[in-house]
Amino acid sequence: MSQDQLQRFLLEDLDIRGAVVRLGPVWQQVMAERDYPFPATELLGEMCATALLISESLKQPGRITFQLKGDGPISLLVVDCDERLNLRAMAQTEPRIEPAPAPQLLGDGQLLLSLDMPTMRQPWQSVVPMQGERIASMFEHYLGLSDQLPSRLFLAATRTGVAGLLLQKLPEADARDPDGWNRVEQLASTVTPQEQIELPAQNLLTRLFPEETVRVFEPRRVIHDAPEDWTKVRNMLRSLGREQVESVLSEQGEVVIRDDLANREYRLDAAAVAALFDESPPTLH
């Protein structure tokens, strides 16, 4: 498996399923021109891998948003992706942070998951307390509650690459092999962050589970597609009103709108602001 792909697999004789994700250029696009301290980069990368592994099951048009919000020096981590595995992410963090366990970096807070699909009248949300010493254990706890399947996550993140491995014990696993889940857990626990980031999926799975029958499915490509959306920005500014927008313009010399999740910045000078309010907004029929 090349970088920027996700690949599902099944340990056929054990009734244990899993997935592997590995990001390179896409992760670098997400982080372009962002100068987060490394502890924030690492946690956000691990959360991106987790979000993709969980979102892989989304087949219909829709978007899943994952949010960790706390009162620590890293106050917010947000990742979202859609049925195309189109990934966006952001963090709110203090500019300088020393390495520390995740609970200390995030503080007390909540894990929120939101699913928004065109067929829904309103987004579905789930909120649970943050529990665990790592991003992996926080989401293992969540998956145990939501999927009601024992789950293990193994995550790795650097400034240039991200990787994740998900294992889930299916209902018939114990009937197939009473010791199978424990054995697979122990084998997976030997993986190193370097192996996860550097090894293609097939090589990684062969290294971890050499005695098991591993069925590998077709890989899916992960993308980062966040095009400019001037229509959304203009409509938002019009909703604020001319007086408020021109007040910002007079104070700052320009109007700057930052879309942190898409990692885009929109700038309007005096001429652009004047044109914005002189234009007739679209008529709804």
C-alpha atoms as a PDB file:
ATOM      1  CA  MET A   1       0.000   0.000   0.000  1.00  0.00           C
ATOM      2  CA  SER A   2       1.374   3.371  -0.941  1.00  0.00           C
ATOM      3  CA  GLN A   3       0.980   6.422   1.251  1.00  0.00           C
ATOM      4  CA  ASP A   4      -2.368   8.217   1.511  1.00  0.00           C
ATOM      5  CA  GLN A   5      -4.391   5.026   1.452  1.00  0.00           C
ATOM      6  CA  LEU A   6      -6.587   3.019   3.791  1.00  0.00           C
ATOM      7  CA  GLN A   7      -6.901  -0.748   3.515  1.00  0.00           C
ATOM      8  CA  ARG A   8      -9.287  -3.083   5.327  1.00  0.00           C
ATOM      9  CA  PHE A   9      -8.385  -6.661   6.185  1.00  0.00           C
ATOM     10  CA  LEU A  10      -9.868  -9.741   7.821  1.00  0.00           C
ATOM     11  CA  LEU A  11      -8.135 -12.454   9.847  1.00  0.00           C
ATOM     12  CA  GLU A  12     -10.374 -15.083   8.298  1.00  0.00           C
ATOM     13  CA  ASP A  13      -9.764 -17.994  10.652  1.00  0.00           C
ATOM     14  CA  LEU A  14     -10.244 -15.825  13.751  1.00  0.00           C
ATOM     15  CA  ASP A  15     -13.223 -13.574  12.880  1.00  0.00           C
ATOM     16  CA  ILE A  16     -11.175 -10.465  13.636  1.00  0.00           C
ATOM     17  CA  ARG A  17     -11.373  -7.497  11.294  1.00  0.00           C
ATOM     18  CA  GLY A  18      -9.137  -4.489  10.945  1.00  0.00           C
ATOM     19  CA  ALA A  19      -7.847  -1.643   8.836  1.00  0.00           C
ATOM     20  CA  VAL A  20      -4.533   0.074   8.177  1.00  0.00           C
ATOM     21  CA  VAL A  21      -4.092   3.703   7.167  1.00  0.00           C
ATOM     22  CA  ARG A  22      -0.908   5.488   6.162  1.00  0.00           C
ATOM     23  CA  LEU A  23      -0.593   9.163   5.228  1.00  0.00           C
ATOM     24  CA  GLY A  24       2.279  11.157   3.771  1.00  0.00           C
ATOM     25  CA  PRO A  25       1.585  13.971   1.277  1.00  0.00           C
ATOM     26  CA  VAL A  26      -2.037  14.352   2.410  1.00  0.00           C
ATOM     27  CA  TRP A  27      -0.909  14.863   6.005  1.00  0.00           C
ATOM     28  CA  GLN A  28       1.667  17.392   4.841  1.00  0.00           C
ATOM     29  CA  GLN A  29      -1.080  19.265   2.939  1.00  0.00           C
ATOM     30  CA  VAL A  30      -3.274  19.320   6.049  1.00  0.00           C
ATOM     31  CA  MET A  31      -0.391  20.774   8.086  1.00  0.00           C
ATOM     32  CA  ALA A  32       0.886  23.222   5.444  1.00  0.00           C
ATOM     33  CA  GLU A  33       1.866  26.586   6.960  1.00  0.00           C
ATOM     34  CA  ARG A  34       0.694  25.486  10.392  1.00  0.00           C
ATOM     35  CA  ASP A  35       3.256  25.938  13.094  1.00  0.00           C
ATOM     36  CA  TYR A  36       1.732  23.820  15.840  1.00  0.00           C
ATOM     37  CA  PRO A  37       4.055  22.655  18.640  1.00  0.00           C
ATOM     38  CA  PHE A  38       4.943  19.001  18.148  1.00  0.00           C
ATOM     39  CA  PRO A  39       2.737  17.630  20.979  1.00  0.00           C
ATOM     40  CA  ALA A  40      -0.297  19.174  19.238  1.00  0.00           C
ATOM     41  CA  THR A  41       0.857  17.920  15.827  1.00  0.00           C
ATOM     42  CA  GLU A  42       1.266  14.408  17.201  1.00  0.00           C
ATOM     43  CA  LEU A  43      -2.162  14.279  18.862  1.00  0.00           C
ATOM     44  CA  LEU A  44      -3.872  15.761  15.801  1.00  0.00           C
ATOM     45  CA  GLY A  45      -2.130  13.245  13.541  1.00  0.00           C
ATOM     46  CA  GLU A  46      -3.188  10.336  15.728  1.00  0.00           C
ATOM     47  CA  MET A  47      -6.737  11.666  15.709  1.00  0.00           C
ATOM     48  CA  CYS A  48      -6.677  11.935  11.898  1.00  0.00           C
ATOM     49  CA  ALA A  49      -5.661   8.287  11.597  1.00  0.00           C
ATOM     50  CA  THR A  50      -8.392   7.270  14.043  1.00  0.00           C
ATOM     51  CA  ALA A  51     -11.056   9.315  12.257  1.00  0.00           C
ATOM     52  CA  LEU A  52     -10.225   7.701   8.927  1.00  0.00           C
ATOM     53  CA  LEU A  53     -10.263   4.189  10.368  1.00  0.00           C
ATOM     54  CA  ILE A  54     -13.689   4.781  11.920  1.00  0.00           C
ATOM     55  CA  SER A  55     -15.126   6.710   8.951  1.00  0.00           C
ATOM     56  CA  GLU A  56     -14.180   4.015   6.444  1.00  0.00           C
ATOM     57  CA  SER A  57     -17.566   2.379   7.015  1.00  0.00           C
ATOM     58  CA  LEU A  58     -19.405   5.518   5.809  1.00  0.00           C
ATOM     59  CA  LYS A  59     -20.696   4.556   2.354  1.00  0.00           C
ATOM     60  CA  GLN A  60     -23.468   7.099   1.755  1.00  0.00           C
ATOM     61  CA  PRO A  61     -22.841  10.833   1.227  1.00  0.00           C
ATOM     62  CA  GLY A  62     -22.169  12.434   4.583  1.00  0.00           C
ATOM     63  CA  ARG A  63     -19.557  13.826   6.924  1.00  0.00           C
ATOM     64  CA  ILE A  64     -18.294  12.621  10.296  1.00  0.00           C
ATOM     65  CA  THR A  65     -16.729  15.168  12.642  1.00  0.00           C
ATOM     66  CA  PHE A  66     -14.539  14.164  15.585  1.00  0.00           C
ATOM     67  CA  GLN A  67     -13.838  16.737  18.280  1.00  0.00           C
ATOM     68  CA  LEU A  68     -11.804  16.643  21.487  1.00  0.00           C
ATOM     69  CA  LYS A  69     -12.426  19.746  23.572  1.00  0.00           C
ATOM     70  CA  GLY A  70     -10.845  20.384  26.953  1.00  0.00           C
ATOM     71  CA  ASP A  71      -9.385  23.001  29.272  1.00  0.00           C
ATOM     72  CA  GLY A  72      -5.715  22.103  28.762  1.00  0.00           C
ATOM     73  CA  PRO A  73      -2.995  23.832  26.708  1.00  0.00           C
ATOM     74  CA  ILE A  74      -4.374  22.005  23.651  1.00  0.00           C
ATOM     75  CA  SER A  75      -7.967  23.169  23.996  1.00  0.00           C
ATOM     76  CA  LEU A  76      -9.429  21.769  20.777  1.00  0.00           C
ATOM     77  CA  LEU A  77      -8.736  19.077  18.196  1.00  0.00           C
ATOM     78  CA  VAL A  78     -11.157  18.744  15.279  1.00  0.00           C
ATOM     79  CA  VAL A  79     -11.013  16.245  12.418  1.00  0.00           C
ATOM     80  CA  ASP A  80     -13.661  15.586   9.826  1.00  0.00           C
ATOM     81  CA  CYS A  81     -13.932  13.397   6.763  1.00  0.00           C
ATOM     82  CA  ASP A  82     -16.621  12.351   4.336  1.00  0.00           C
ATOM     83  CA  GLU A  83     -17.562   9.226   2.387  1.00  0.00           C
ATOM     84  CA  ARG A  84     -14.716   9.975  -0.060  1.00  0.00           C
ATOM     85  CA  LEU A  85     -12.204   9.917   2.824  1.00  0.00           C
ATOM     86  CA  ASN A  86     -11.664  13.636   2.256  1.00  0.00           C
ATOM     87  CA  LEU A  87      -9.789  14.716   5.382  1.00  0.00           C
ATOM     88  CA  ARG A  88      -9.678  18.111   7.124  1.00  0.00           C
ATOM     89  CA  ALA A  89      -8.252  18.906  10.556  1.00  0.00           C
ATOM     90  CA  MET A  90      -7.287  21.699  12.946  1.00  0.00           C
ATOM     91  CA  ALA A  91      -6.077  22.361  16.479  1.00  0.00           C
ATOM     92  CA  GLN A  92      -6.321  25.213  18.948  1.00  0.00           C
ATOM     93  CA  THR A  93      -3.199  25.200  21.055  1.00  0.00           C
ATOM     94  CA  GLU A  94      -0.867  27.349  23.068  1.00  0.00           C
ATOM     95  CA  PRO A  95       2.187  28.243  20.964  1.00  0.00           C
ATOM     96  CA  ARG A  96       4.701  26.461  23.196  1.00  0.00           C
ATOM     97  CA  ILE A  97       3.998  23.152  24.900  1.00  0.00           C
ATOM     98  CA  GLU A  98       6.292  20.634  26.532  1.00  0.00           C
ATOM     99  CA  PRO A  99       5.686  16.925  25.813  1.00  0.00           C
ATOM    100  CA  ALA A 100       3.250  15.393  28.307  1.00  0.00           C
ATOM    101  CA  PRO A 101       0.585  12.661  28.489  1.00  0.00           C
ATOM    102  CA  ALA A 102      -2.557  13.379  26.467  1.00  0.00           C
ATOM    103  CA  PRO A 103      -4.815  13.970  29.523  1.00  0.00           C
ATOM    104  CA  GLN A 104      -2.432  16.661  30.765  1.00  0.00           C
ATOM    105  CA  LEU A 105      -2.287  18.325  27.339  1.00  0.00           C
ATOM    106  CA  LEU A 106      -6.045  18.208  26.756  1.00  0.00           C
ATOM    107  CA  GLY A 107      -7.279  18.702  30.316  1.00  0.00           C
ATOM    108  CA  ASP A 108     -10.791  17.808  31.402  1.00  0.00           C
ATOM    109  CA  GLY A 109     -13.194  17.665  28.520  1.00  0.00           C
ATOM    110  CA  GLN A 110     -15.334  15.710  26.120  1.00  0.00           C
ATOM    111  CA  LEU A 111     -15.118  13.599  23.003  1.00  0.00           C
ATOM    112  CA  LEU A 112     -17.830  14.568  20.519  1.00  0.00           C
ATOM    113  CA  LEU A 113     -18.737  12.734  17.337  1.00  0.00           C
ATOM    114  CA  SER A 114     -21.192  14.189  14.851  1.00  0.00           C
ATOM    115  CA  LEU A 115     -22.651  12.551  11.738  1.00  0.00           C
ATOM    116  CA  ASP A 116     -24.320  14.773   9.144  1.00  0.00           C
ATOM    117  CA  MET A 117     -25.978  13.249   6.074  1.00  0.00           C
ATOM    118  CA  PRO A 118     -28.306  14.788   3.469  1.00  0.00           C
ATOM    119  CA  THR A 119     -31.000  12.288   4.470  1.00  0.00           C
ATOM    120  CA  MET A 120     -31.008  13.507   8.100  1.00  0.00           C
ATOM    121  CA  ARG A 121     -33.226  16.300   9.393  1.00  0.00           C
ATOM    122  CA  GLN A 122     -30.426  17.267  11.794  1.00  0.00           C
ATOM    123  CA  PRO A 123     -26.948  15.903  12.569  1.00  0.00           C
ATOM    124  CA  TRP A 124     -26.625  12.954  14.959  1.00  0.00           C
ATOM    125  CA  GLN A 125     -24.285  13.607  17.885  1.00  0.00           C
ATOM    126  CA  SER A 126     -22.660  11.524  20.585  1.00  0.00           C
ATOM    127  CA  VAL A 127     -20.801  13.052  23.543  1.00  0.00           C
ATOM    128  CA  VAL A 128     -18.741  11.042  26.025  1.00  0.00           C
ATOM    129  CA  PRO A 129     -16.128  12.053  28.624  1.00  0.00           C
ATOM    130  CA  MET A 130     -12.493  11.784  27.578  1.00  0.00           C
ATOM    131  CA  GLN A 131     -11.165   8.618  29.213  1.00  0.00           C
ATOM    132  CA  GLY A 132      -7.705   7.203  28.625  1.00  0.00           C
ATOM    133  CA  GLU A 133      -4.039   8.096  28.709  1.00  0.00           C
ATOM    134  CA  ARG A 134      -3.660   8.273  24.913  1.00  0.00           C
ATOM    135  CA  ILE A 135      -5.740   9.167  21.861  1.00  0.00           C
ATOM    136  CA  ALA A 136      -5.877   5.441  21.094  1.00  0.00           C
ATOM    137  CA  SER A 137      -7.342   4.462  24.461  1.00  0.00           C
ATOM    138  CA  MET A 138      -9.852   7.337  24.351  1.00  0.00           C
ATOM    139  CA  PHE A 139     -11.259   6.051  21.077  1.00  0.00           C
ATOM    140  CA  GLU A 140     -11.008   2.395  22.127  1.00  0.00           C
ATOM    141  CA  HIS A 141     -13.311   3.320  24.998  1.00  0.00           C
ATOM    142  CA  TYR A 142     -15.693   5.070  22.607  1.00  0.00           C
ATOM    143  CA  LEU A 143     -15.743   2.154  20.142  1.00  0.00           C
ATOM    144  CA  GLY A 144     -16.452  -0.262  22.972  1.00  0.00           C
ATOM    145  CA  LEU A 145     -19.544   1.778  23.819  1.00  0.00           C
ATOM    146  CA  SER A 146     -20.752   2.497  20.282  1.00  0.00           C
ATOM    147  CA  ASP A 147     -19.892  -0.665  18.327  1.00  0.00           C
ATOM    148  CA  GLN A 148     -19.964  -2.920  21.394  1.00  0.00           C
ATOM    149  CA  LEU A 149     -16.959  -4.701  19.939  1.00  0.00           C
ATOM    150  CA  PRO A 150     -13.599  -5.010  21.717  1.00  0.00           C
ATOM    151  CA  SER A 151     -11.271  -2.745  19.730  1.00  0.00           C
ATOM    152  CA  ARG A 152      -7.580  -1.887  19.688  1.00  0.00           C
ATOM    153  CA  LEU A 153      -5.904   1.093  18.049  1.00  0.00           C
ATOM    154  CA  PHE A 154      -2.197   1.523  17.351  1.00  0.00           C
ATOM    155  CA  LEU A 155      -1.274   5.018  16.183  1.00  0.00           C
ATOM    156  CA  ALA A 156       1.816   6.911  15.057  1.00  0.00           C
ATOM    157  CA  ALA A 157       2.359  10.512  13.967  1.00  0.00           C
ATOM    158  CA  THR A 158       5.311  12.683  12.996  1.00  0.00           C
ATOM    159  CA  ARG A 159       5.473  16.033  11.209  1.00  0.00           C
ATOM    160  CA  THR A 160       5.634  14.255   7.832  1.00  0.00           C
ATOM    161  CA  GLY A 161       3.629  11.057   8.274  1.00  0.00           C
ATOM    162  CA  VAL A 162       0.691   9.489  10.079  1.00  0.00           C
ATOM    163  CA  ALA A 163      -0.358   5.858  10.452  1.00  0.00           C
ATOM    164  CA  GLY A 164      -2.947   3.788  12.259  1.00  0.00           C
ATOM    165  CA  LEU A 165      -3.950   0.165  12.799  1.00  0.00           C
ATOM    166  CA  LEU A 166      -7.440  -0.817  13.988  1.00  0.00           C
ATOM    167  CA  LEU A 167      -8.416  -4.279  15.226  1.00  0.00           C
ATOM    168  CA  GLN A 168     -11.952  -5.336  16.167  1.00  0.00           C
ATOM    169  CA  LYS A 169     -13.111  -8.613  17.656  1.00  0.00           C
ATOM    170  CA  LEU A 170     -16.253  -9.857  15.897  1.00  0.00           C
ATOM    171  CA  PRO A 171     -18.967 -11.827  17.752  1.00  0.00           C
ATOM    172  CA  GLU A 172     -17.872 -15.286  16.535  1.00  0.00           C
ATOM    173  CA  ALA A 173     -14.194 -14.821  17.372  1.00  0.00           C
ATOM    174  CA  ASP A 174     -14.191 -16.815  20.619  1.00  0.00           C
ATOM    175  CA  ALA A 175     -16.028 -19.694  18.968  1.00  0.00           C
ATOM    176  CA  ARG A 176     -13.409 -19.770  16.226  1.00  0.00           C
ATOM    177  CA  ASP A 177     -10.417 -19.618  18.575  1.00  0.00           C
ATOM    178  CA  PRO A 178     -10.778 -18.854  22.309  1.00  0.00           C
ATOM    179  CA  ASP A 179      -7.220 -17.501  22.448  1.00  0.00           C
ATOM    180  CA  GLY A 180      -7.247 -15.781  19.054  1.00  0.00           C
ATOM    181  CA  TRP A 181      -8.037 -12.239  20.195  1.00  0.00           C
ATOM    182  CA  ASN A 182      -5.435 -12.278  22.969  1.00  0.00           C
ATOM    183  CA  ARG A 183      -2.822 -13.648  20.597  1.00  0.00           C
ATOM    184  CA  VAL A 184      -3.539 -11.033  17.929  1.00  0.00           C
ATOM    185  CA  GLU A 185      -3.488  -8.235  20.528  1.00  0.00           C
ATOM    186  CA  GLN A 186      -0.067  -9.347  21.740  1.00  0.00           C
ATOM    187  CA  LEU A 187       1.304  -9.597  18.207  1.00  0.00           C
ATOM    188  CA  ALA A 188      -0.051  -6.172  17.239  1.00  0.00           C
ATOM    189  CA  SER A 189       1.448  -4.656  20.384  1.00  0.00           C
ATOM    190  CA  THR A 190       4.934  -5.364  19.006  1.00  0.00           C
ATOM    191  CA  VAL A 191       4.483  -2.825  16.193  1.00  0.00           C
ATOM    192  CA  THR A 192       6.692   0.252  16.318  1.00  0.00           C
ATOM    193  CA  PRO A 193       5.740   3.764  15.142  1.00  0.00           C
ATOM    194  CA  GLN A 194       8.521   3.613  12.559  1.00  0.00           C
ATOM    195  CA  GLU A 195       7.153   0.365  11.101  1.00  0.00           C
ATOM    196  CA  GLN A 196       3.652   1.796  10.885  1.00  0.00           C
ATOM    197  CA  ILE A 197       4.753   4.921   9.043  1.00  0.00           C
ATOM    198  CA  GLU A 198       7.288   3.241   6.734  1.00  0.00           C
ATOM    199  CA  LEU A 199       5.899  -0.219   5.882  1.00  0.00           C
ATOM    200  CA  PRO A 200       3.243  -0.821   3.196  1.00  0.00           C
ATOM    201  CA  ALA A 201       0.111  -2.484   4.589  1.00  0.00           C
ATOM    202  CA  GLN A 202       0.817  -5.964   3.200  1.00  0.00           C
ATOM    203  CA  ASN A 203       4.355  -5.953   4.601  1.00  0.00           C
ATOM    204  CA  LEU A 204       3.149  -4.697   7.974  1.00  0.00           C
ATOM    205  CA  LEU A 205       0.414  -7.327   8.277  1.00  0.00           C
ATOM    206  CA  THR A 206       2.795 -10.103   7.231  1.00  0.00           C
ATOM    207  CA  ARG A 207       5.294  -8.921   9.845  1.00  0.00           C
ATOM    208  CA  LEU A 208       2.690  -8.791  12.610  1.00  0.00           C
ATOM    209  CA  PHE A 209       0.606 -11.880  11.804  1.00  0.00           C
ATOM    210  CA  PRO A 210       2.883 -14.334   9.941  1.00  0.00           C
ATOM    211  CA  GLU A 211       0.917 -17.430  11.002  1.00  0.00           C
ATOM    212  CA  GLU A 212      -2.570 -16.050  10.304  1.00  0.00           C
ATOM    213  CA  THR A 213      -4.678 -16.101   7.145  1.00  0.00           C
ATOM    214  CA  VAL A 214      -5.068 -12.433   6.253  1.00  0.00           C
ATOM    215  CA  ARG A 215      -7.577 -11.401   3.599  1.00  0.00           C
ATOM    216  CA  VAL A 216      -6.762  -7.912   2.320  1.00  0.00           C
ATOM    217  CA  PHE A 217      -9.376  -5.784   0.558  1.00  0.00           C
ATOM    218  CA  GLU A 218      -8.909  -3.144  -2.128  1.00  0.00           C
ATOM    219  CA  PRO A 219      -7.235   0.011  -0.794  1.00  0.00           C
ATOM    220  CA  ARG A 220      -9.052   3.337  -0.732  1.00  0.00           C
ATOM    221  CA  ARG A 221      -7.355   6.645  -1.416  1.00  0.00           C
ATOM    222  CA  VAL A 222      -7.369   9.398   1.226  1.00  0.00           C
ATOM    223  CA  ILE A 223      -7.558  12.983  -0.064  1.00  0.00           C
ATOM    224  CA  HIS A 224      -7.390  16.549   1.221  1.00  0.00           C
ATOM    225  CA  ASP A 225      -9.707  18.586  -0.988  1.00  0.00           C
ATOM    226  CA  ALA A 226     -10.635  21.937   0.546  1.00  0.00           C
ATOM    227  CA  PRO A 227     -11.334  24.356  -2.312  1.00  0.00           C
ATOM    228  CA  GLU A 228     -12.004  28.033  -1.760  1.00  0.00           C
ATOM    229  CA  ASP A 229     -15.629  28.861  -0.968  1.00  0.00           C
ATOM    230  CA  TRP A 230     -16.042  32.580  -1.548  1.00  0.00           C
ATOM    231  CA  THR A 231     -19.828  32.225  -1.759  1.00  0.00           C
ATOM    232  CA  LYS A 232     -19.953  30.992   1.822  1.00  0.00           C
ATOM    233  CA  VAL A 233     -17.645  33.803   2.992  1.00  0.00           C
ATOM    234  CA  ARG A 234     -19.604  36.522   1.194  1.00  0.00           C
ATOM    235  CA  ASN A 235     -22.923  35.261   2.548  1.00  0.00           C
ATOM    236  CA  MET A 236     -21.501  35.170   6.074  1.00  0.00           C
ATOM    237  CA  LEU A 237     -20.221  38.757   5.795  1.00  0.00           C
ATOM    238  CA  ARG A 238     -23.524  39.976   4.363  1.00  0.00           C
ATOM    239  CA  SER A 239     -25.304  38.397   7.318  1.00  0.00           C
ATOM    240  CA  LEU A 240     -23.121  40.487   9.674  1.00  0.00           C
ATOM    241  CA  GLY A 241     -24.190  43.664   7.918  1.00  0.00           C
ATOM    242  CA  ARG A 242     -22.358  46.459   6.170  1.00  0.00           C
ATOM    243  CA  GLU A 243     -21.836  48.579   9.271  1.00  0.00           C
ATOM    244  CA  GLN A 244     -20.083  45.847  11.250  1.00  0.00           C
ATOM    245  CA  VAL A 245     -17.903  44.717   8.346  1.00  0.00           C
ATOM    246  CA  GLU A 246     -16.858  48.288   7.509  1.00  0.00           C
ATOM    247  CA  SER A 247     -16.050  48.859  11.183  1.00  0.00           C
ATOM    248  CA  VAL A 248     -13.579  45.947  11.059  1.00  0.00           C
ATOM    249  CA  LEU A 249     -12.201  47.306   7.788  1.00  0.00           C
ATOM    250  CA  SER A 250     -11.577  50.761   9.272  1.00  0.00           C
ATOM    251  CA  GLU A 251      -9.846  49.294  12.342  1.00  0.00           C
ATOM    252  CA  GLN A 252      -7.648  46.742  10.585  1.00  0.00           C
ATOM    253  CA  GLY A 253      -7.313  48.015   7.024  1.00  0.00           C
ATOM    254  CA  GLU A 254      -8.746  44.766   5.630  1.00  0.00           C
ATOM    255  CA  VAL A 255     -11.196  42.036   6.551  1.00  0.00           C
ATOM    256  CA  VAL A 256      -9.600  38.635   7.178  1.00  0.00           C
ATOM    257  CA  ILE A 257     -11.673  35.461   7.491  1.00  0.00           C
ATOM    258  CA  ARG A 258      -9.863  32.339   8.641  1.00  0.00           C
ATOM    259  CA  ASP A 259     -11.295  28.872   7.896  1.00  0.00           C
ATOM    260  CA  ASP A 260      -9.139  26.818  10.241  1.00  0.00           C
ATOM    261  CA  LEU A 261     -10.601  23.437   9.328  1.00  0.00           C
ATOM    262  CA  ALA A 262      -9.938  23.905   5.613  1.00  0.00           C
ATOM    263  CA  ASN A 263      -6.650  25.735   6.371  1.00  0.00           C
ATOM    264  CA  ARG A 264      -7.636  28.699   4.200  1.00  0.00           C
ATOM    265  CA  GLU A 265      -7.605  32.462   4.673  1.00  0.00           C
ATOM    266  CA  TYR A 266      -9.814  34.983   2.880  1.00  0.00           C
ATOM    267  CA  ARG A 267      -8.813  38.657   2.668  1.00  0.00           C
ATOM    268  CA  LEU A 268     -10.976  41.558   1.507  1.00  0.00           C
ATOM    269  CA  ASP A 269      -9.742  45.114   0.997  1.00  0.00           C
ATOM    270  CA  ALA A 270     -11.923  48.235   0.879  1.00  0.00           C
ATOM    271  CA  ALA A 271     -12.815  47.750  -2.787  1.00  0.00           C
ATOM    272  CA  ALA A 272     -13.841  44.124  -2.213  1.00  0.00           C
ATOM    273  CA  VAL A 273     -16.000  45.081   0.785  1.00  0.00           C
ATOM    274  CA  ALA A 274     -17.695  47.849  -1.198  1.00  0.00           C
ATOM    275  CA  ALA A 275     -18.367  45.470  -4.078  1.00  0.00           C
ATOM    276  CA  LEU A 276     -19.702  42.863  -1.650  1.00  0.00           C
ATOM    277  CA  PHE A 277     -22.475  45.113  -0.389  1.00  0.00           C
ATOM    278  CA  ASP A 278     -23.140  46.802  -3.721  1.00  0.00           C
ATOM    279  CA  GLU A 279     -23.812  43.421  -5.328  1.00  0.00           C
ATOM    280  CA  SER A 280     -27.321  42.061  -5.205  1.00  0.00           C
ATOM    281  CA  PRO A 281     -27.345  38.818  -3.209  1.00  0.00           C
ATOM    282  CA  PRO A 282     -28.683  35.727  -4.999  1.00  0.00           C
ATOM    283  CA  THR A 283     -32.464  35.510  -5.143  1.00  0.00           C
ATOM    284  CA  LEU A 284     -34.013  32.373  -3.701  1.00  0.00           C
ATOM    285  CA  HIS A 285     -36.916  30.943  -5.678  1.00  0.00           C
END
